[in-house]
Protein backbone atom coordinates (compact mmCIF):
# COMPACT_ATOMS: atom_id res chain seq x y z
CA GLY A 1 32.27 3.98 13.90
CA ALA A 2 30.09 7.09 14.24
CA THR A 3 26.80 6.81 16.04
CA CYS A 4 23.65 8.65 15.22
CA LYS A 5 20.27 9.10 16.82
CA MET A 6 17.16 8.92 14.68
CA GLU A 7 13.83 10.19 15.83
CA VAL A 8 10.39 9.96 14.26
CA ASP A 9 8.17 13.03 14.35
CA ASN A 10 5.08 11.18 15.58
CA SER A 11 2.54 13.93 14.90
CA ARG A 12 3.81 14.40 11.33
CA ARG A 13 3.78 10.63 10.75
CA ALA A 14 0.22 10.37 12.13
CA ALA A 15 -0.93 13.08 9.70
CA ILE A 16 0.73 11.25 6.79
CA LYS A 17 -0.92 7.98 7.86
CA SER A 18 -4.32 9.68 7.96
CA ASN A 19 -3.88 11.33 4.57
CA HIS A 20 -2.60 8.13 2.99
CA SER A 21 -5.37 5.97 4.47
CA VAL A 22 -8.13 8.40 3.52
CA THR A 23 -6.96 8.24 -0.09
CA HIS A 24 -8.07 4.60 -0.18
CA LEU A 25 -11.51 5.57 1.12
CA LEU A 26 -11.66 8.51 -1.29
CA HIS A 27 -10.81 6.28 -4.25
CA GLU A 28 -13.64 3.87 -3.52
CA ALA A 29 -16.12 6.67 -2.77
CA LEU A 30 -15.27 8.32 -6.11
CA ARG A 31 -15.80 4.98 -7.87
CA GLN A 32 -19.20 4.58 -6.18
CA VAL A 33 -20.35 8.10 -7.05
CA LEU A 34 -18.79 8.55 -10.52
CA GLY A 35 -18.48 4.97 -11.81
CA ASP A 36 -16.05 2.12 -12.30
CA HIS A 37 -14.09 4.07 -14.91
CA VAL A 38 -12.43 5.98 -12.06
CA ALA A 39 -8.83 4.86 -11.65
CA GLN A 40 -5.88 6.36 -9.84
CA LYS A 41 -3.58 8.33 -12.13
CA GLY A 42 -1.33 9.83 -9.47
CA SER A 43 -1.30 10.83 -5.83
CA LEU A 44 0.61 12.65 -3.13
CA GLN A 45 0.11 12.27 0.59
CA ASP A 46 2.03 14.37 3.07
CA ALA A 47 1.40 15.84 6.51
CA GLU A 48 -0.65 18.69 5.05
CA ARG A 49 -3.09 17.00 2.66
CA THR A 50 -3.87 14.27 0.19
CA ARG A 51 -3.84 14.96 -3.53
CA PHE A 52 -5.47 12.33 -5.72
CA ASP A 53 -5.58 12.31 -9.53
CA ILE A 54 -8.16 10.13 -11.27
CA SER A 55 -9.43 9.26 -14.71
CA GLN A 56 -12.60 11.32 -15.10
CA PRO A 57 -13.67 12.92 -18.38
CA VAL A 58 -15.68 15.82 -16.93
CA ALA A 59 -15.62 18.05 -13.86
CA ILE A 60 -16.99 16.57 -10.66
CA THR A 61 -20.03 18.54 -9.53
CA LYS A 62 -20.42 20.08 -6.08
CA ASP A 63 -23.23 17.62 -5.33
CA GLN A 64 -21.03 14.69 -6.32
CA LEU A 65 -18.16 15.99 -4.17
CA ALA A 66 -20.56 16.39 -1.23
CA GLU A 67 -21.75 12.79 -1.72
CA VAL A 68 -18.14 11.53 -1.85
CA GLU A 69 -17.32 13.48 1.31
CA GLU A 70 -20.37 12.02 3.06
CA ILE A 71 -19.40 8.44 2.09
CA VAL A 72 -15.81 8.89 3.27
CA THR A 73 -16.94 10.50 6.54
CA LYS A 74 -19.32 7.58 7.16
CA GLU A 75 -16.42 5.13 6.71
CA ILE A 76 -14.21 7.17 9.05
CA ASN A 77 -16.95 7.27 11.69
CA ALA A 78 -17.47 3.50 11.41
CA ASP A 79 -13.98 3.19 12.98
CA THR A 80 -13.25 -0.16 11.35
CA GLU A 81 -9.93 -1.95 11.52
CA VAL A 82 -7.42 -1.42 8.72
CA VAL A 83 -6.13 -4.88 7.79
CA THR A 84 -2.82 -5.39 5.99
CA ARG A 85 -1.85 -8.80 4.59
CA VAL A 86 0.85 -10.14 2.32
CA MET A 87 -0.50 -12.68 -0.16
CA PRO A 88 0.11 -14.15 -3.60
CA LEU A 89 -0.77 -11.75 -6.42
CA ASP A 90 -3.39 -14.15 -7.83
CA GLU A 91 -5.12 -14.36 -4.44
CA ALA A 92 -5.08 -10.56 -4.17
CA ARG A 93 -6.75 -10.25 -7.57
CA GLU A 94 -9.37 -12.84 -6.59
CA SER A 95 -10.12 -10.85 -3.43
CA GLY A 96 -11.07 -7.88 -5.61
CA ALA A 97 -8.03 -5.79 -4.68
CA ILE A 98 -7.48 -2.77 -6.90
CA ALA A 99 -4.01 -2.42 -8.39
CA LEU A 100 -2.45 0.35 -10.44
CA PHE A 101 -2.84 -0.50 -14.10
CA GLY A 102 0.46 -1.15 -15.81
CA GLU A 103 2.50 -1.60 -12.62
CA LYS A 104 4.75 -4.63 -12.28
CA TYR A 105 4.16 -6.60 -9.11
CA ASP A 106 6.08 -9.36 -7.38
CA ASP A 107 4.53 -12.77 -6.87
CA GLU A 108 3.57 -11.68 -3.34
CA VAL A 109 1.91 -8.33 -2.71
CA ARG A 110 0.76 -6.26 0.25
CA VAL A 111 -3.00 -5.78 0.38
CA VAL A 112 -4.68 -3.14 2.54
CA ALA A 113 -8.39 -3.52 3.33
CA MET A 114 -10.48 -1.02 5.26
CA GLY A 115 -14.00 0.15 5.82
CA THR A 116 -17.35 -1.45 6.36
CA GLN A 117 -18.46 -4.70 4.76
CA GLN A 118 -19.95 -4.14 1.31
CA GLY A 119 -21.54 -7.47 0.45
CA ASN A 120 -18.75 -10.04 0.58
CA LYS A 121 -15.81 -7.60 0.79
CA GLN A 122 -14.64 -4.56 2.68
CA PHE A 123 -15.28 -1.03 1.43
CA SER A 124 -11.73 -0.62 0.07
CA ILE A 125 -9.21 -3.31 -0.90
CA GLU A 126 -6.05 -2.17 -2.68
CA LEU A 127 -2.46 -3.19 -3.22
CA CYS A 128 -0.35 -0.72 -1.25
CA GLY A 129 3.01 -0.52 0.45
CA GLY A 130 2.37 2.71 2.36
CA THR A 131 1.82 3.54 6.00
CA HIS A 132 -1.74 3.48 7.37
CA VAL A 133 -3.81 4.15 10.47
CA LYS A 134 -4.84 1.18 12.64
CA THR A 135 -8.56 2.03 12.38
CA THR A 136 -10.46 4.38 10.09
CA GLY A 137 -11.57 6.43 13.10
CA LYS A 138 -7.96 7.60 13.59
CA ILE A 139 -8.43 9.76 10.48
CA GLU A 140 -10.92 11.78 12.57
CA LYS A 141 -12.26 14.21 9.95
CA PHE A 142 -12.24 14.63 6.19
CA LYS A 143 -12.84 17.64 3.94
CA ILE A 144 -12.47 18.01 0.17
CA ILE A 145 -10.86 21.41 -0.44
CA SER A 146 -10.58 21.46 -4.24
CA GLU A 147 -11.31 19.70 -7.52
CA SER A 148 -9.63 20.68 -10.76
CA ALA A 149 -8.46 19.55 -14.19
CA VAL A 150 -4.89 18.25 -14.52
CA SER A 151 -5.06 17.30 -18.19
CA ALA A 152 -7.60 15.94 -20.65
CA GLY A 153 -9.56 13.23 -18.87
CA ILE A 154 -7.68 13.61 -15.55
CA ARG A 155 -9.18 15.37 -12.52
CA ARG A 156 -7.45 16.21 -9.23
CA VAL A 157 -9.16 16.07 -5.84
CA GLU A 158 -7.38 17.61 -2.84
CA ALA A 159 -8.51 17.00 0.71
CA VAL A 160 -7.44 17.42 4.32
CA THR A 161 -7.93 15.28 7.43
CA GLY A 162 -7.89 15.63 11.21
CA GLU A 163 -6.76 19.00 12.60
CA ARG A 164 -6.25 20.37 9.09
CA VAL A 165 -10.04 20.27 8.61
CA ASP A 166 -10.47 22.63 11.57
CA GLU A 167 -7.69 24.90 10.23
CA TYR A 168 -9.30 24.94 6.77
CA GLU A 169 -12.75 25.75 8.10
CA ALA A 170 -11.51 28.47 10.50
């Protein structure tokens, strides 16, 4: 019969939403710059940063990272709606949604789409159950802070968003 009071730390949650959402934009930007072989191999999003591990056989150059950063920033500045839908897995695949290889999915999945129109689809379409911003503009700013090797064929990109960009650059 005990009662409790729960409270959400809204600023922390907003930072997590930004870092999680930007990972979707980062993934697609990396695929555009490096190639279709890029696939997610792990990630962590918290209030401080996003950490994204990808399949990539060689180091990502500074010029490539700058191009990725530019693409992601363009998508943020476009301030497009982030659309979340639940749909049958087959329909999600037909829509071009990216899924984690080897994961087991239910018959119905949650699909998150964001970014500008790229031909007949949005910039990023992925299966995802996480928390996201309402529009890409809510991410505010984006800065890649490191790129490193995790293991053979796996690279790690770390980045910050919003106020953390200002803190990083100070």
